[in-house]
Amino acid sequence: PQAPSPRKDIRDCSADPPYLPPTATNTSVRLAVLRGLMRTQGTHAYIVPSTDAHMSEYISERDARLGWLTGFSGSAGTAVVTQDKATLWTDSRYWTQAERELDCNWELQRTTLIESIGMWILKEVPVGGNVTLDPFLFSIDTWNSYSRALHGSGRTLLPLETNLVDQAWGDQRPLPSSSEIYSLPAEFTGSSWQEKVAGIRQQMEEHSRRPTAVLLSGLEETAWLFNLRGDDIPYNPVFYSYTLLTNTTISLFMDESRLSAVARASLLSGCPGLLCVELQEYGQVSAHLRRYTQDNVTVWLGTEYTTYGLYSIIPQEKLLEENYSPVMTAKAVKNAHEQEMLRAAHVRDAVAVIQYLLWLEKTVPQGQVDEFSGAQHIDALRWAQEHSRGPSFQSISASG
């Protein structure tokens, strides 16, 4: 009997020459450039995550560093590159996809455990070696996990504020979004941003530690607090920003050139005064935080959304840490008007789904619907509903 033919949709690195499917990306040049930068920095291993600087669930194309470097387009993974090896860790959702998209420069590890990554690093990096990463792309917990994994091993974990993948990517890296950042109409919010700020300041006042400031890193926190929306990340109505809210000042770090006239007027309507929003460049947040924490202050933050890069700027004795900031917990409790809006949105969505099910009943027997055209049709029905801003994630469409 004939041997079964090898699969043509996944790579075969044991073949001579290695076989790569058309879906694989050639990463040889990218890795060579990155390794040159690593030598310049004196680093033996460089860790690349799949996150952005705000710990977002979804990321923009500009932040898809892991995808650019490896060719792997799954939503979760970690890569580590040394001078002679490159390895990707990802979970079981993506094993087949990784074998289709990686070339033979990459080894695939079928786990996401930091302990596994740490053990690999200990094997590949000599004693006295440096392991580096961009601290603004790692959560506090993740940094601490790597630190524990390498502790006492003779390898040093170093934060490197220059992102080496961004340098290697160069001019090919997608540009930041230039679309408008706009105010959400009052009919959808139930509370003005001034009322929300007053509520957070009241929580600061009532807290036993009496924090002088709240630092917001989660993109949805700033968007909710100021009733602003954008589309910097697909399927997410947010924009790149940080906020430092103190008892007496409000600093909003963002690309202010993109603010709509209405949004700008709203933010500046309280100037000068306690409700005046000071607009600052997005990239200035670290320097501003460094200056602010030189005084006798206490900064309240949520550790779930704050990167180690920002966290490490604040002296430990000036930190008030909780899993979620007071803005995130306030946002989770919907007022009566928001609840009414949620119900109305679900009714509109139910109408679109019912229309879709009826359409399927009529058209599937004709044999002209597949999963892709079905997904396109339900998207169109949802877009046709009043107030639609698009789906909250790409339609997942399957049959049979």
Protein backbone atom coordinates (compact mmCIF):
# COMPACT_ATOMS: atom_id res chain seq x y z
CA PRO A 1 0.00 0.00 0.00
CA GLN A 2 1.11 3.52 -0.77
CA ALA A 3 2.19 5.74 2.13
CA PRO A 4 -0.27 8.58 2.74
CA SER A 5 0.88 11.78 1.06
CA PRO A 6 2.31 14.36 3.48
CA ARG A 7 0.09 17.32 4.31
CA LYS A 8 0.66 20.27 2.03
CA ASP A 9 -0.96 22.91 4.25
CA ILE A 10 1.63 22.81 7.06
CA ARG A 11 5.42 23.14 7.11
CA ASP A 12 7.78 20.17 7.13
CA CYS A 13 11.18 21.25 8.47
CA SER A 14 12.55 17.68 8.46
CA ALA A 15 12.28 17.43 4.66
CA ASP A 16 15.31 18.19 2.48
CA PRO A 17 14.89 20.93 1.42
CA PRO A 18 12.35 21.99 4.09
CA TYR A 19 8.79 22.27 2.79
CA LEU A 20 6.85 25.48 3.46
CA PRO A 21 3.20 26.00 2.46
CA PRO A 22 2.30 29.25 0.65
CA THR A 23 0.81 30.56 3.93
CA ALA A 24 4.26 30.64 5.65
CA THR A 25 6.23 33.90 5.98
CA ASN A 26 9.95 34.12 5.25
CA THR A 27 11.40 35.73 8.41
CA SER A 28 15.14 35.34 7.72
CA VAL A 29 15.80 39.03 7.00
CA ARG A 30 13.66 40.23 9.92
CA LEU A 31 15.48 37.96 12.36
CA ALA A 32 18.88 39.00 10.99
CA VAL A 33 18.09 42.69 11.54
CA LEU A 34 16.72 42.03 15.04
CA ARG A 35 19.80 40.00 15.99
CA GLY A 36 22.06 42.80 14.81
CA LEU A 37 20.21 45.22 17.12
CA MET A 38 20.45 42.71 19.97
CA ARG A 39 24.23 42.53 19.54
CA THR A 40 24.41 46.33 19.66
CA GLN A 41 22.50 46.30 22.94
CA GLY A 42 24.51 43.42 24.40
CA THR A 43 21.41 41.27 24.88
CA HIS A 44 21.47 37.46 24.66
CA ALA A 45 17.69 36.92 24.45
CA TYR A 46 14.80 39.23 23.54
CA ILE A 47 11.20 38.49 24.56
CA VAL A 48 8.35 39.63 22.28
CA PRO A 49 4.73 39.43 23.54
CA SER A 50 1.43 39.67 21.63
CA THR A 51 0.12 42.61 23.71
CA ASP A 52 0.11 46.39 23.41
CA ALA A 53 1.00 49.07 25.97
CA HIS A 54 -2.52 48.98 27.47
CA MET A 55 -2.94 45.21 27.93
CA SER A 56 -5.74 45.31 25.35
CA GLU A 57 -7.54 42.11 24.38
CA TYR A 58 -7.42 43.17 20.72
CA ILE A 59 -4.53 45.15 19.20
CA SER A 60 -4.00 47.40 16.18
CA GLU A 61 -1.88 46.42 13.16
CA ARG A 62 0.76 48.87 14.38
CA ASP A 63 1.11 46.86 17.60
CA ALA A 64 1.22 43.43 15.93
CA ARG A 65 4.96 43.06 16.60
CA LEU A 66 4.76 39.31 17.22
CA GLY A 67 2.88 38.83 13.95
CA TRP A 68 5.36 40.85 11.93
CA LEU A 69 8.42 39.14 13.40
CA THR A 70 7.15 35.54 13.19
CA GLY A 71 4.45 35.53 10.50
CA PHE A 72 2.08 33.99 13.08
CA SER A 73 -1.25 35.85 13.16
CA GLY A 74 -2.93 34.21 16.18
CA SER A 75 -4.12 36.48 18.99
CA ALA A 76 -1.98 34.97 21.78
CA GLY A 77 1.66 34.01 21.90
CA THR A 78 5.18 34.87 23.05
CA ALA A 79 8.41 34.75 21.06
CA VAL A 80 11.97 34.59 22.35
CA VAL A 81 14.92 35.23 20.02
CA THR A 82 18.60 34.48 20.71
CA GLN A 83 21.53 34.75 18.30
CA ASP A 84 20.98 31.22 17.00
CA LYS A 85 17.43 30.23 17.92
CA ALA A 86 13.90 31.60 17.65
CA THR A 87 10.96 30.02 19.45
CA LEU A 88 7.22 30.74 19.62
CA TRP A 89 4.97 29.67 22.50
CA THR A 90 1.22 29.47 21.89
CA ASP A 91 -1.82 27.51 23.08
CA SER A 92 -3.77 24.65 21.48
CA ARG A 93 -6.17 26.94 19.60
CA TYR A 94 -3.29 27.93 17.33
CA TRP A 95 -0.99 24.93 16.90
CA THR A 96 -2.15 24.06 13.38
CA GLN A 97 -2.25 27.73 12.39
CA ALA A 98 1.33 28.20 13.63
CA GLU A 99 2.52 25.23 11.55
CA ARG A 100 0.93 26.90 8.50
CA GLU A 101 2.36 30.36 9.11
CA LEU A 102 5.85 29.86 10.62
CA ASP A 103 8.90 29.19 8.49
CA CYS A 104 11.68 26.86 9.61
CA ASN A 105 13.56 29.60 11.45
CA TRP A 106 11.05 29.04 14.25
CA GLU A 107 10.59 26.28 16.79
CA LEU A 108 7.02 25.87 18.12
CA GLN A 109 6.42 25.24 21.83
CA ARG A 110 2.91 24.01 22.55
CA THR A 111 2.34 25.87 25.83
CA THR A 112 2.09 29.44 27.12
CA LEU A 113 3.47 28.85 30.62
CA ILE A 114 6.10 31.39 31.66
CA GLU A 115 7.86 28.57 33.54
CA SER A 116 8.37 26.83 30.18
CA ILE A 117 9.73 30.02 28.60
CA GLY A 118 12.00 30.54 31.63
CA MET A 119 13.40 27.00 31.41
CA TRP A 120 14.12 27.46 27.68
CA ILE A 121 15.93 30.74 28.40
CA LEU A 122 18.04 29.10 31.13
CA LYS A 123 19.06 26.42 28.63
CA GLU A 124 19.87 28.82 25.79
CA VAL A 125 21.33 31.86 27.58
CA PRO A 126 24.72 31.47 29.28
CA VAL A 127 25.30 32.44 32.91
CA GLY A 128 26.04 36.16 32.97
CA GLY A 129 23.77 36.72 29.97
CA ASN A 130 21.17 39.49 29.63
CA VAL A 131 17.49 38.81 28.88
CA THR A 132 15.70 41.96 27.70
CA LEU A 133 12.18 43.10 26.93
CA ASP A 134 10.14 46.27 26.46
CA PRO A 135 8.68 46.94 29.95
CA PHE A 136 5.79 48.91 28.41
CA LEU A 137 4.45 45.71 26.78
CA PHE A 138 4.36 43.51 29.89
CA SER A 139 1.92 43.50 32.78
CA ILE A 140 3.23 43.80 36.32
CA ASP A 141 2.34 40.14 37.00
CA THR A 142 4.10 38.91 33.84
CA TRP A 143 7.27 40.87 34.62
CA ASN A 144 7.27 39.42 38.15
CA SER A 145 6.81 35.89 36.76
CA TYR A 146 9.85 36.26 34.46
CA SER A 147 11.81 37.78 37.32
CA ARG A 148 11.02 34.76 39.53
CA ALA A 149 11.85 32.30 36.72
CA LEU A 150 15.33 33.80 36.28
CA HIS A 151 16.01 34.68 39.94
CA GLY A 152 19.33 33.38 41.24
CA SER A 153 20.26 31.86 37.86
CA GLY A 154 23.02 34.32 37.01
CA ARG A 155 20.95 35.69 34.09
CA THR A 156 19.80 39.32 34.31
CA LEU A 157 16.31 40.47 33.30
CA LEU A 158 16.67 43.99 31.89
CA PRO A 159 13.97 46.45 30.81
CA LEU A 160 14.87 48.04 27.47
CA GLU A 161 12.78 51.10 26.68
CA THR A 162 13.83 51.11 23.02
CA ASN A 163 11.66 48.48 21.32
CA LEU A 164 13.96 46.42 19.11
CA VAL A 165 11.15 44.99 16.96
CA ASP A 166 9.92 48.51 16.18
CA GLN A 167 13.47 49.43 15.15
CA ALA A 168 13.77 46.34 12.93
CA TRP A 169 10.31 46.97 11.44
CA GLY A 170 11.31 50.54 10.56
CA ASP A 171 9.38 52.36 7.81
CA GLN A 172 7.29 49.27 7.07
CA ARG A 173 5.51 49.54 10.42
CA PRO A 174 1.88 50.69 9.96
CA LEU A 175 1.22 54.33 10.86
CA PRO A 176 -0.89 55.28 13.89
CA SER A 177 -4.59 55.85 13.26
CA SER A 178 -5.53 59.31 12.03
CA SER A 179 -9.31 58.96 12.35
CA GLU A 180 -11.41 61.33 14.42
CA ILE A 181 -11.92 60.93 18.17
CA TYR A 182 -15.46 62.03 18.95
CA SER A 183 -17.82 62.63 21.86
CA LEU A 184 -20.51 60.05 22.58
CA PRO A 185 -23.86 61.91 22.46
CA ALA A 186 -25.43 62.57 25.87
CA GLU A 187 -28.46 60.42 24.93
CA PHE A 188 -26.23 57.31 25.27
CA THR A 189 -24.25 58.07 28.43
CA GLY A 190 -26.57 58.94 31.30
CA SER A 191 -23.73 60.89 33.00
CA SER A 192 -21.55 63.77 31.83
CA TRP A 193 -17.78 63.34 32.05
CA GLN A 194 -17.73 66.07 34.70
CA GLU A 195 -20.09 64.01 36.88
CA LYS A 196 -17.91 60.93 36.40
CA VAL A 197 -14.73 62.82 37.36
CA ALA A 198 -16.48 64.19 40.47
CA GLY A 199 -17.51 60.63 41.42
CA ILE A 200 -13.95 59.30 41.10
CA ARG A 201 -12.56 62.22 43.10
CA GLN A 202 -15.10 61.49 45.81
CA GLN A 203 -13.86 57.87 45.95
CA MET A 204 -10.30 59.19 46.30
CA GLU A 205 -11.42 61.41 49.17
CA GLU A 206 -13.20 58.56 50.96
CA HIS A 207 -10.39 55.98 50.58
CA SER A 208 -8.45 55.27 53.79
CA ARG A 209 -5.13 55.92 51.98
CA ARG A 210 -6.38 59.27 50.58
CA PRO A 211 -4.67 58.89 47.16
CA THR A 212 -3.81 62.15 45.42
CA ALA A 213 -4.10 60.73 41.88
CA VAL A 214 -5.57 57.91 39.80
CA LEU A 215 -3.57 56.60 36.83
CA LEU A 216 -5.60 55.10 33.97
CA SER A 217 -3.88 52.81 31.44
CA GLY A 218 -6.79 50.69 30.12
CA LEU A 219 -8.10 52.30 26.93
CA GLU A 220 -11.72 51.70 27.89
CA GLU A 221 -11.15 53.55 31.19
CA THR A 222 -10.27 56.87 29.55
CA ALA A 223 -12.90 56.44 26.81
CA TRP A 224 -15.61 55.84 29.45
CA LEU A 225 -14.48 58.60 31.81
CA PHE A 226 -14.59 61.35 29.16
CA ASN A 227 -17.46 59.90 27.05
CA LEU A 228 -15.09 59.79 24.06
CA ARG A 229 -14.86 57.16 21.32
CA GLY A 230 -12.43 56.27 18.53
CA ASP A 231 -11.51 53.32 16.32
CA ASP A 232 -7.77 52.81 16.80
CA ILE A 233 -8.30 49.06 17.33
CA PRO A 234 -10.64 46.97 15.13
CA TYR A 235 -13.99 46.13 16.78
CA ASN A 236 -13.18 48.34 19.81
CA PRO A 237 -14.44 51.95 20.11
CA VAL A 238 -11.30 53.23 21.86
CA PHE A 239 -8.24 55.39 21.15
CA TYR A 240 -4.67 55.36 22.46
CA SER A 241 -4.53 57.36 25.68
CA TYR A 242 -3.57 57.58 29.34
CA THR A 243 -5.12 59.70 32.08
CA LEU A 244 -3.68 61.06 35.32
CA LEU A 245 -6.55 62.42 37.41
CA THR A 246 -5.56 64.29 40.60
CA ASN A 247 -7.62 66.13 43.22
CA THR A 248 -7.13 69.38 41.34
CA THR A 249 -5.96 68.58 37.78
CA ILE A 250 -6.85 66.33 34.83
CA SER A 251 -4.11 65.29 32.40
CA LEU A 252 -5.19 63.44 29.25
CA PHE A 253 -2.37 62.00 27.12
CA MET A 254 -3.43 61.44 23.50
CA ASP A 255 -3.10 62.72 19.93
CA GLU A 256 -5.14 65.89 20.41
CA SER A 257 -5.01 66.79 16.69
CA ARG A 258 -7.60 64.03 16.12
CA LEU A 259 -10.21 65.42 18.53
CA SER A 260 -13.46 66.57 16.93
CA ALA A 261 -14.34 70.24 17.51
CA VAL A 262 -17.23 69.20 19.78
CA ALA A 263 -15.04 66.87 21.86
CA ARG A 264 -12.30 69.49 22.25
CA ALA A 265 -14.79 72.16 23.32
CA SER A 266 -16.30 69.75 25.89
CA LEU A 267 -12.90 68.91 27.44
CA LEU A 268 -11.80 72.54 27.62
CA SER A 269 -15.14 73.94 28.80
CA GLY A 270 -14.02 73.99 32.46
CA CYS A 271 -10.76 75.87 31.86
CA PRO A 272 -9.30 77.24 33.99
CA GLY A 273 -10.48 75.27 37.01
CA LEU A 274 -10.80 71.85 38.63
CA LEU A 275 -12.66 70.49 35.59
CA CYS A 276 -10.19 71.69 32.96
CA VAL A 277 -8.67 68.85 30.93
CA GLU A 278 -5.00 69.48 30.10
CA LEU A 279 -4.29 67.81 26.75
CA GLN A 280 -0.78 66.38 26.51
CA GLU A 281 1.12 64.30 23.97
CA TYR A 282 0.55 60.54 24.31
CA GLY A 283 4.28 59.85 24.56
CA GLN A 284 4.77 62.28 27.49
CA VAL A 285 3.03 60.12 30.11
CA SER A 286 6.23 58.60 31.55
CA ALA A 287 8.03 61.92 31.93
CA HIS A 288 4.93 63.52 33.47
CA LEU A 289 4.48 60.66 35.94
CA ARG A 290 8.17 60.82 36.89
CA ARG A 291 7.83 64.54 37.71
CA TYR A 292 4.55 64.11 39.58
CA THR A 293 5.85 61.34 41.85
CA GLN A 294 8.79 63.43 43.07
CA ASP A 295 6.35 65.17 45.44
CA ASN A 296 4.48 63.83 48.48
CA VAL A 297 1.80 61.95 46.53
CA THR A 298 -0.03 58.60 46.36
CA VAL A 299 -0.99 57.14 42.97
CA TRP A 300 -3.95 54.74 42.78
CA LEU A 301 -3.85 52.29 39.87
CA GLY A 302 -5.33 49.01 38.66
CA THR A 303 -2.63 46.39 38.22
CA GLU A 304 -4.60 44.44 35.57
CA TYR A 305 -4.12 47.17 32.93
CA THR A 306 -0.90 48.91 33.98
CA THR A 307 2.38 47.90 32.37
CA TYR A 308 5.51 47.26 34.38
CA GLY A 309 7.11 50.20 32.54
CA LEU A 310 4.71 52.75 34.08
CA TYR A 311 4.43 50.94 37.40
CA SER A 312 8.21 50.95 37.92
CA ILE A 313 8.34 54.76 37.64
CA ILE A 314 6.30 55.17 40.85
CA PRO A 315 8.18 54.61 44.14
CA GLN A 316 6.62 51.69 46.07
CA GLU A 317 5.71 53.83 49.09
CA LYS A 318 3.72 56.16 46.81
CA LEU A 319 1.63 53.38 45.25
CA LEU A 320 -1.93 52.31 46.00
CA GLU A 321 -2.43 49.05 44.08
CA GLU A 322 -5.71 47.26 43.43
CA ASN A 323 -6.64 44.83 40.66
CA TYR A 324 -8.91 47.40 39.04
CA SER A 325 -8.90 51.18 39.19
CA PRO A 326 -11.95 53.00 40.63
CA VAL A 327 -12.82 53.99 37.05
CA MET A 328 -12.96 50.37 35.91
CA THR A 329 -15.22 49.39 38.81
CA ALA A 330 -17.46 52.46 38.33
CA LYS A 331 -17.73 51.66 34.60
CA ALA A 332 -18.90 48.13 35.46
CA VAL A 333 -22.00 49.44 37.29
CA LYS A 334 -24.46 50.66 34.68
CA ASN A 335 -26.85 53.49 35.58
CA ALA A 336 -30.57 53.24 34.77
CA HIS A 337 -30.16 55.03 31.44
CA GLU A 338 -27.25 52.81 30.36
CA GLN A 339 -29.28 49.72 31.27
CA GLU A 340 -32.15 50.98 29.11
CA MET A 341 -29.73 51.59 26.22
CA LEU A 342 -28.28 48.06 26.61
CA ARG A 343 -31.73 46.48 26.44
CA ALA A 344 -32.66 48.53 23.37
CA ALA A 345 -29.39 47.51 21.64
CA HIS A 346 -30.11 43.84 22.34
CA VAL A 347 -33.60 44.17 20.87
CA ARG A 348 -32.16 45.70 17.69
CA ASP A 349 -29.57 42.92 17.50
CA ALA A 350 -32.26 40.25 18.03
CA VAL A 351 -34.17 41.68 15.06
CA ALA A 352 -31.05 41.31 12.88
CA VAL A 353 -30.51 37.70 14.06
CA ILE A 354 -34.17 36.76 13.39
CA GLN A 355 -33.90 38.30 9.91
CA TYR A 356 -30.75 36.23 9.37
CA LEU A 357 -32.35 32.95 10.49
CA LEU A 358 -35.29 33.54 8.12
CA TRP A 359 -32.88 34.31 5.28
CA LEU A 360 -30.96 31.10 6.00
CA GLU A 361 -34.15 29.02 5.95
CA LYS A 362 -34.97 30.33 2.48
CA THR A 363 -31.52 30.39 0.89
CA VAL A 364 -29.61 27.39 2.32
CA PRO A 365 -31.81 24.84 0.44
CA GLN A 366 -30.82 26.62 -2.80
CA GLY A 367 -27.19 25.64 -2.09
CA GLN A 368 -25.78 29.13 -2.51
CA VAL A 369 -24.74 30.02 1.06
CA ASP A 370 -21.36 29.23 2.60
CA GLU A 371 -19.94 30.24 5.99
CA PHE A 372 -18.27 33.35 4.59
CA SER A 373 -21.26 34.76 2.68
CA GLY A 374 -23.43 33.97 5.71
CA ALA A 375 -21.14 36.01 7.97
CA GLN A 376 -21.17 38.88 5.49
CA HIS A 377 -24.97 38.84 5.39
CA ILE A 378 -25.49 39.01 9.15
CA ASP A 379 -22.96 41.85 9.35
CA ALA A 380 -24.97 43.74 6.73
CA LEU A 381 -28.23 43.15 8.64
CA ARG A 382 -26.64 44.48 11.84
CA TRP A 383 -25.22 47.53 10.05
CA ALA A 384 -28.73 48.31 8.81
CA GLN A 385 -30.00 48.69 12.38
CA GLU A 386 -30.19 52.20 13.85
CA HIS A 387 -27.07 53.38 15.79
CA SER A 388 -24.91 50.46 14.57
CA ARG A 389 -21.15 51.07 14.79
CA GLY A 390 -20.24 47.58 13.56
CA PRO A 391 -19.75 44.20 15.27
CA SER A 392 -17.81 43.76 18.52
CA PHE A 393 -15.66 41.01 16.97
CA GLN A 394 -15.29 39.32 13.58
CA SER A 395 -18.24 37.01 13.01
CA ILE A 396 -17.45 33.38 13.87
CA SER A 397 -19.37 31.40 11.27
CA ALA A 398 -19.45 27.61 11.03
CA SER A 399 -21.74 24.83 9.85
CA GLY A 400 -21.78 21.06 9.62
